[in-house]
Amino acid sequence: LVVSNPPYVSTAEPLDASVTSWEPAEALYAGSTGLDAYRTLVPEAGEWLAPGGALVLELGAGQGEAVGELAQRAGFVAVRVVADLAGLDRTLVAERP
């Protein structure tokens, strides 16, 4: 099982000072699209998982489709995006075949 809450905020997205005052930039920002951490993490995660192992990632709003495509291209199966209570894509779950 690999679980991660990687940085997923676009550097183009302004954040409230109540967030940036408490969190280091490295924990928040992931390049201009907010996907840089996923582009590294998703392909490598398969190396850490046994067959049938699960990858669980927190997502930024609107990133479900893009991160799901990354997971499928990396060979993961049973890829699904789970919405939070507000109905926003929040978690990706994928399985190593």
N, C-alpha and C. Protein backbone atom coordinates (compact mmCIF):
# COMPACT_ATOMS: atom_id res chain seq x y z
N LEU A 1 0.85 -1.18 0.00
CA LEU A 1 0.00 0.00 0.00
C LEU A 1 0.89 1.23 0.00
N VAL A 2 0.65 2.13 -0.93
CA VAL A 2 1.33 3.42 -0.97
C VAL A 2 0.26 4.49 -0.87
N VAL A 3 0.38 5.34 0.15
CA VAL A 3 -0.57 6.44 0.37
C VAL A 3 0.23 7.73 0.39
N SER A 4 -0.24 8.74 -0.35
CA SER A 4 0.49 10.00 -0.40
C SER A 4 -0.46 11.19 -0.53
N ASN A 5 -0.08 12.26 0.11
CA ASN A 5 -0.72 13.56 -0.06
C ASN A 5 0.36 14.48 -0.62
N PRO A 6 0.66 14.33 -1.91
CA PRO A 6 1.76 15.10 -2.49
C PRO A 6 1.37 16.56 -2.71
N PRO A 7 2.35 17.40 -2.95
CA PRO A 7 2.02 18.78 -3.34
C PRO A 7 1.20 18.74 -4.63
N TYR A 8 0.14 19.55 -4.71
CA TYR A 8 -0.70 19.51 -5.91
C TYR A 8 -1.24 20.87 -6.32
N VAL A 9 -0.74 21.93 -5.73
CA VAL A 9 -1.22 23.27 -6.07
C VAL A 9 -0.37 23.84 -7.21
N SER A 10 -1.02 24.41 -8.20
CA SER A 10 -0.33 25.07 -9.30
C SER A 10 0.35 26.34 -8.79
N THR A 11 1.54 26.61 -9.30
CA THR A 11 2.22 27.85 -8.91
C THR A 11 1.47 29.08 -9.40
N ALA A 12 0.55 28.89 -10.34
CA ALA A 12 -0.26 30.00 -10.84
C ALA A 12 -1.48 30.28 -9.96
N GLU A 13 -1.76 29.38 -9.02
CA GLU A 13 -2.95 29.52 -8.17
C GLU A 13 -2.61 30.30 -6.90
N PRO A 14 -3.27 31.42 -6.68
CA PRO A 14 -2.99 32.16 -5.45
C PRO A 14 -3.59 31.43 -4.24
N LEU A 15 -2.84 31.40 -3.17
CA LEU A 15 -3.32 30.79 -1.93
C LEU A 15 -3.44 31.85 -0.85
N ASP A 16 -4.38 31.65 0.02
CA ASP A 16 -4.59 32.55 1.15
C ASP A 16 -3.39 32.49 2.10
N ALA A 17 -3.09 33.61 2.70
CA ALA A 17 -1.98 33.68 3.66
C ALA A 17 -2.17 32.72 4.82
N SER A 18 -3.41 32.38 5.14
CA SER A 18 -3.64 31.44 6.24
C SER A 18 -3.08 30.05 5.91
N VAL A 19 -2.89 29.76 4.64
CA VAL A 19 -2.28 28.49 4.22
C VAL A 19 -0.77 28.66 4.09
N THR A 20 -0.34 29.66 3.35
CA THR A 20 1.09 29.82 3.07
C THR A 20 1.90 30.20 4.31
N SER A 21 1.26 30.74 5.32
CA SER A 21 1.97 31.08 6.56
C SER A 21 2.36 29.84 7.35
N TRP A 22 1.64 28.74 7.15
CA TRP A 22 1.85 27.55 7.96
C TRP A 22 2.52 26.41 7.22
N GLU A 23 2.49 26.43 5.91
CA GLU A 23 3.02 25.32 5.12
C GLU A 23 4.19 25.80 4.26
N PRO A 24 5.28 25.03 4.20
CA PRO A 24 6.37 25.40 3.30
C PRO A 24 5.92 25.24 1.84
N ALA A 25 6.47 26.06 0.97
CA ALA A 25 6.10 26.02 -0.45
C ALA A 25 6.28 24.63 -1.05
N GLU A 26 7.31 23.90 -0.62
CA GLU A 26 7.58 22.57 -1.15
C GLU A 26 6.45 21.59 -0.85
N ALA A 27 5.69 21.84 0.20
CA ALA A 27 4.57 20.97 0.57
C ALA A 27 3.30 21.31 -0.19
N LEU A 28 3.28 22.44 -0.87
CA LEU A 28 2.07 22.92 -1.53
C LEU A 28 2.15 22.88 -3.04
N TYR A 29 3.21 23.45 -3.60
CA TYR A 29 3.26 23.72 -5.03
C TYR A 29 3.92 22.59 -5.82
N ALA A 30 3.35 22.31 -7.00
CA ALA A 30 3.85 21.24 -7.86
C ALA A 30 3.87 21.70 -9.31
N GLY A 31 4.59 22.77 -9.57
CA GLY A 31 4.75 23.26 -10.93
C GLY A 31 3.55 24.04 -11.44
N SER A 32 3.63 24.42 -12.70
CA SER A 32 2.61 25.30 -13.29
C SER A 32 1.24 24.65 -13.41
N THR A 33 1.19 23.32 -13.49
CA THR A 33 -0.09 22.62 -13.59
C THR A 33 -0.52 21.96 -12.29
N GLY A 34 0.37 21.91 -11.32
CA GLY A 34 0.09 21.21 -10.07
C GLY A 34 0.26 19.70 -10.17
N LEU A 35 0.81 19.23 -11.29
CA LEU A 35 0.92 17.78 -11.52
C LEU A 35 2.34 17.25 -11.43
N ASP A 36 3.33 18.10 -11.19
CA ASP A 36 4.73 17.65 -11.22
C ASP A 36 5.00 16.49 -10.28
N ALA A 37 4.50 16.54 -9.06
CA ALA A 37 4.76 15.46 -8.10
C ALA A 37 4.14 14.15 -8.57
N TYR A 38 2.94 14.22 -9.14
CA TYR A 38 2.29 13.00 -9.65
C TYR A 38 3.07 12.40 -10.80
N ARG A 39 3.64 13.24 -11.65
CA ARG A 39 4.39 12.74 -12.81
C ARG A 39 5.61 11.93 -12.39
N THR A 40 6.14 12.22 -11.22
CA THR A 40 7.26 11.45 -10.68
C THR A 40 6.76 10.27 -9.86
N LEU A 41 5.83 10.53 -8.98
CA LEU A 41 5.36 9.53 -8.01
C LEU A 41 4.64 8.36 -8.66
N VAL A 42 3.71 8.62 -9.55
CA VAL A 42 2.86 7.55 -10.09
C VAL A 42 3.68 6.49 -10.83
N PRO A 43 4.55 6.84 -11.77
CA PRO A 43 5.31 5.79 -12.46
C PRO A 43 6.23 5.00 -11.52
N GLU A 44 6.79 5.65 -10.51
CA GLU A 44 7.69 4.97 -9.58
C GLU A 44 6.96 4.10 -8.58
N ALA A 45 5.71 4.41 -8.28
CA ALA A 45 4.97 3.68 -7.24
C ALA A 45 4.82 2.20 -7.56
N GLY A 46 4.72 1.87 -8.84
CA GLY A 46 4.60 0.46 -9.21
C GLY A 46 5.78 -0.37 -8.76
N GLU A 47 6.96 0.25 -8.66
CA GLU A 47 8.16 -0.46 -8.21
C GLU A 47 8.09 -0.79 -6.72
N TRP A 48 7.31 -0.05 -5.97
CA TRP A 48 7.23 -0.24 -4.52
C TRP A 48 6.10 -1.17 -4.11
N LEU A 49 5.23 -1.51 -5.05
CA LEU A 49 4.03 -2.29 -4.73
C LEU A 49 4.14 -3.72 -5.23
N ALA A 50 3.65 -4.64 -4.42
CA ALA A 50 3.50 -6.02 -4.85
C ALA A 50 2.27 -6.10 -5.77
N PRO A 51 2.18 -7.14 -6.59
CA PRO A 51 0.96 -7.31 -7.39
C PRO A 51 -0.27 -7.30 -6.48
N GLY A 52 -1.28 -6.55 -6.90
CA GLY A 52 -2.49 -6.40 -6.10
C GLY A 52 -2.41 -5.26 -5.10
N GLY A 53 -1.23 -4.65 -4.97
CA GLY A 53 -1.05 -3.53 -4.05
C GLY A 53 -1.77 -2.29 -4.55
N ALA A 54 -2.12 -1.42 -3.63
CA ALA A 54 -2.91 -0.23 -3.97
C ALA A 54 -2.09 1.05 -3.83
N LEU A 55 -2.36 1.97 -4.73
CA LEU A 55 -1.83 3.33 -4.69
C LEU A 55 -3.01 4.24 -4.37
N VAL A 56 -2.87 5.05 -3.32
CA VAL A 56 -3.93 5.97 -2.90
C VAL A 56 -3.32 7.36 -2.81
N LEU A 57 -3.86 8.30 -3.57
CA LEU A 57 -3.31 9.65 -3.63
C LEU A 57 -4.39 10.69 -3.38
N GLU A 58 -4.06 11.71 -2.59
CA GLU A 58 -4.95 12.86 -2.49
C GLU A 58 -4.78 13.68 -3.76
N LEU A 59 -5.88 14.26 -4.22
CA LEU A 59 -5.88 15.05 -5.45
C LEU A 59 -6.30 16.48 -5.17
N GLY A 60 -5.82 17.38 -6.00
CA GLY A 60 -6.33 18.74 -6.01
C GLY A 60 -7.60 18.78 -6.84
N ALA A 61 -8.41 19.78 -6.62
CA ALA A 61 -9.68 19.91 -7.36
C ALA A 61 -9.40 19.93 -8.86
N GLY A 62 -10.13 19.11 -9.60
CA GLY A 62 -10.01 19.07 -11.05
C GLY A 62 -8.86 18.25 -11.59
N GLN A 63 -8.14 17.53 -10.73
CA GLN A 63 -6.97 16.77 -11.20
C GLN A 63 -7.25 15.28 -11.42
N GLY A 64 -8.44 14.84 -11.12
CA GLY A 64 -8.75 13.41 -11.18
C GLY A 64 -8.48 12.78 -12.54
N GLU A 65 -8.96 13.40 -13.59
CA GLU A 65 -8.79 12.83 -14.93
C GLU A 65 -7.32 12.74 -15.32
N ALA A 66 -6.57 13.81 -15.10
CA ALA A 66 -5.15 13.84 -15.49
C ALA A 66 -4.33 12.82 -14.70
N VAL A 67 -4.55 12.73 -13.40
CA VAL A 67 -3.79 11.79 -12.58
C VAL A 67 -4.24 10.36 -12.88
N GLY A 68 -5.52 10.17 -13.15
CA GLY A 68 -5.99 8.85 -13.56
C GLY A 68 -5.33 8.38 -14.84
N GLU A 69 -5.16 9.28 -15.80
CA GLU A 69 -4.48 8.95 -17.05
C GLU A 69 -3.02 8.59 -16.79
N LEU A 70 -2.36 9.32 -15.89
CA LEU A 70 -0.98 8.98 -15.53
C LEU A 70 -0.92 7.57 -14.96
N ALA A 71 -1.86 7.22 -14.10
CA ALA A 71 -1.88 5.89 -13.48
C ALA A 71 -2.10 4.81 -14.54
N GLN A 72 -3.02 5.04 -15.45
CA GLN A 72 -3.27 4.05 -16.50
C GLN A 72 -2.05 3.87 -17.40
N ARG A 73 -1.40 4.97 -17.76
CA ARG A 73 -0.19 4.88 -18.60
C ARG A 73 0.94 4.17 -17.88
N ALA A 74 0.95 4.26 -16.53
CA ALA A 74 1.99 3.58 -15.74
C ALA A 74 1.65 2.11 -15.51
N GLY A 75 0.52 1.64 -16.04
CA GLY A 75 0.17 0.24 -15.96
C GLY A 75 -0.75 -0.14 -14.82
N PHE A 76 -1.24 0.83 -14.08
CA PHE A 76 -2.17 0.53 -12.99
C PHE A 76 -3.53 0.14 -13.56
N VAL A 77 -4.26 -0.67 -12.80
CA VAL A 77 -5.60 -1.10 -13.20
C VAL A 77 -6.59 -0.70 -12.11
N ALA A 78 -7.86 -0.88 -12.39
CA ALA A 78 -8.93 -0.55 -11.43
C ALA A 78 -8.75 0.88 -10.91
N VAL A 79 -8.39 1.78 -11.82
CA VAL A 79 -8.16 3.18 -11.45
C VAL A 79 -9.50 3.86 -11.25
N ARG A 80 -9.65 4.49 -10.11
CA ARG A 80 -10.90 5.21 -9.85
C ARG A 80 -10.62 6.46 -9.03
N VAL A 81 -11.48 7.44 -9.22
CA VAL A 81 -11.39 8.69 -8.48
C VAL A 81 -12.59 8.76 -7.56
N VAL A 82 -12.33 9.09 -6.30
CA VAL A 82 -13.37 9.15 -5.28
C VAL A 82 -13.59 10.62 -4.92
N ALA A 83 -14.84 11.03 -4.90
CA ALA A 83 -15.18 12.41 -4.56
C ALA A 83 -15.25 12.59 -3.04
N ASP A 84 -15.01 13.82 -2.60
CA ASP A 84 -15.17 14.15 -1.19
C ASP A 84 -16.63 14.51 -0.92
N LEU A 85 -16.93 14.94 0.29
CA LEU A 85 -18.31 15.24 0.66
C LEU A 85 -18.89 16.42 -0.11
N ALA A 86 -18.02 17.27 -0.66
CA ALA A 86 -18.49 18.40 -1.47
C ALA A 86 -18.68 18.01 -2.93
N GLY A 87 -18.39 16.75 -3.25
CA GLY A 87 -18.55 16.28 -4.62
C GLY A 87 -17.35 16.54 -5.51
N LEU A 88 -16.23 16.97 -4.93
CA LEU A 88 -15.02 17.25 -5.70
C LEU A 88 -14.12 16.01 -5.74
N ASP A 89 -13.49 15.77 -6.89
CA ASP A 89 -12.51 14.69 -6.97
C ASP A 89 -11.46 14.92 -5.89
N ARG A 90 -11.23 13.94 -5.03
CA ARG A 90 -10.30 14.16 -3.92
C ARG A 90 -9.28 13.05 -3.76
N THR A 91 -9.61 11.82 -4.17
CA THR A 91 -8.70 10.69 -3.95
C THR A 91 -8.66 9.81 -5.18
N LEU A 92 -7.46 9.41 -5.55
CA LEU A 92 -7.29 8.43 -6.61
C LEU A 92 -6.88 7.11 -5.97
N VAL A 93 -7.51 6.03 -6.39
CA VAL A 93 -7.16 4.69 -5.94
C VAL A 93 -6.87 3.87 -7.19
N ALA A 94 -5.73 3.19 -7.20
CA ALA A 94 -5.35 2.37 -8.34
C ALA A 94 -4.64 1.12 -7.83
N GLU A 95 -4.68 0.07 -8.63
CA GLU A 95 -4.11 -1.21 -8.23
C GLU A 95 -3.00 -1.62 -9.18
N ARG A 96 -1.93 -2.17 -8.60
CA ARG A 96 -0.87 -2.73 -9.44
C ARG A 96 -1.31 -4.13 -9.86
N PRO A 97 -1.27 -4.42 -11.16
CA PRO A 97 -1.70 -5.76 -11.62
C PRO A 97 -0.74 -6.85 -11.15
